[in-house]
Amino acid sequence: MIRLDIFSDPVCPWCYVGKANLDRALADYPDHPFAIQWHPFQLNPEMPPEGVDKRAYLEAKLGGKARVDAIHERLREVARAAGVDMNPDKPQRMPNTLDAHRLIHWAGIESLQAQVVNALMRAYWAEGRDIGDPETLADIAGESGMDRDAIVQLLASDADAEDILARDADARAKGVNSVPTFLVAQQYVVSGAQPPEVWANVIAELTVQPDAAK
């Protein structure tokens, strides 16, 4: 197997689209060589723990209502092309995602990362749920096959918070400055929400020339 490390944040729309594109490519290659691991990168590390009003935050950050509307329309177009159910206006809160990244980490221990990452992104972008809220995160964990009560207890503690922050800082120190960022075989970087065709080419090259990944 070949490692595919993915740096992402559930509140990044391009991460949602990028995951959908990757999933489409992997579905066409069920014997693909990737062992996938998701890694934390907070898009808004300065976000207060309780989050903020999403619309107000974006308008202040991006330059007003018209600019945000234009970006949201572009996101809808890209999402439709990728077959992704996304409504950029649905989420009302811009959350702090530290706890969401903790949940992804715990999901990895149970080999449920893909399910939880997908559930978090769908919950935020399609359903408008506040994924900074501990009860919402516990619900998502339970819906994904994890022990909801155990996650409630973990979220009420500081378990693994320092580790997540350290991993985020390490990624930035090593040059990750945007998401999604994909690291293939710990050597080759693929940035952005690449179309399925790009991943098909990568898989084909790795399958035909496995030594390239060593």
Foldseek 3Di string as FASTA:
>chain_A
DWEKEWEDFLVDLQQLLLVLQQVVLCVVVVVFDYDYDYAYAWPCQVAPLAFDFPQVVCCVVQPHDVRVVVVQVVSVVSCVVSVHQFRPVLAGTDHGCLLLRVLLVVCVVVVQNVQLSNLSNCCCGRVNDHNSDQLVSLVSCVVSPHDSVVSSVVSVDCPCSVVNVVRNVVCVVVPDDDPGWIQILVHDIDHTSDGNVVVNVVRVCCVVPVVVSD
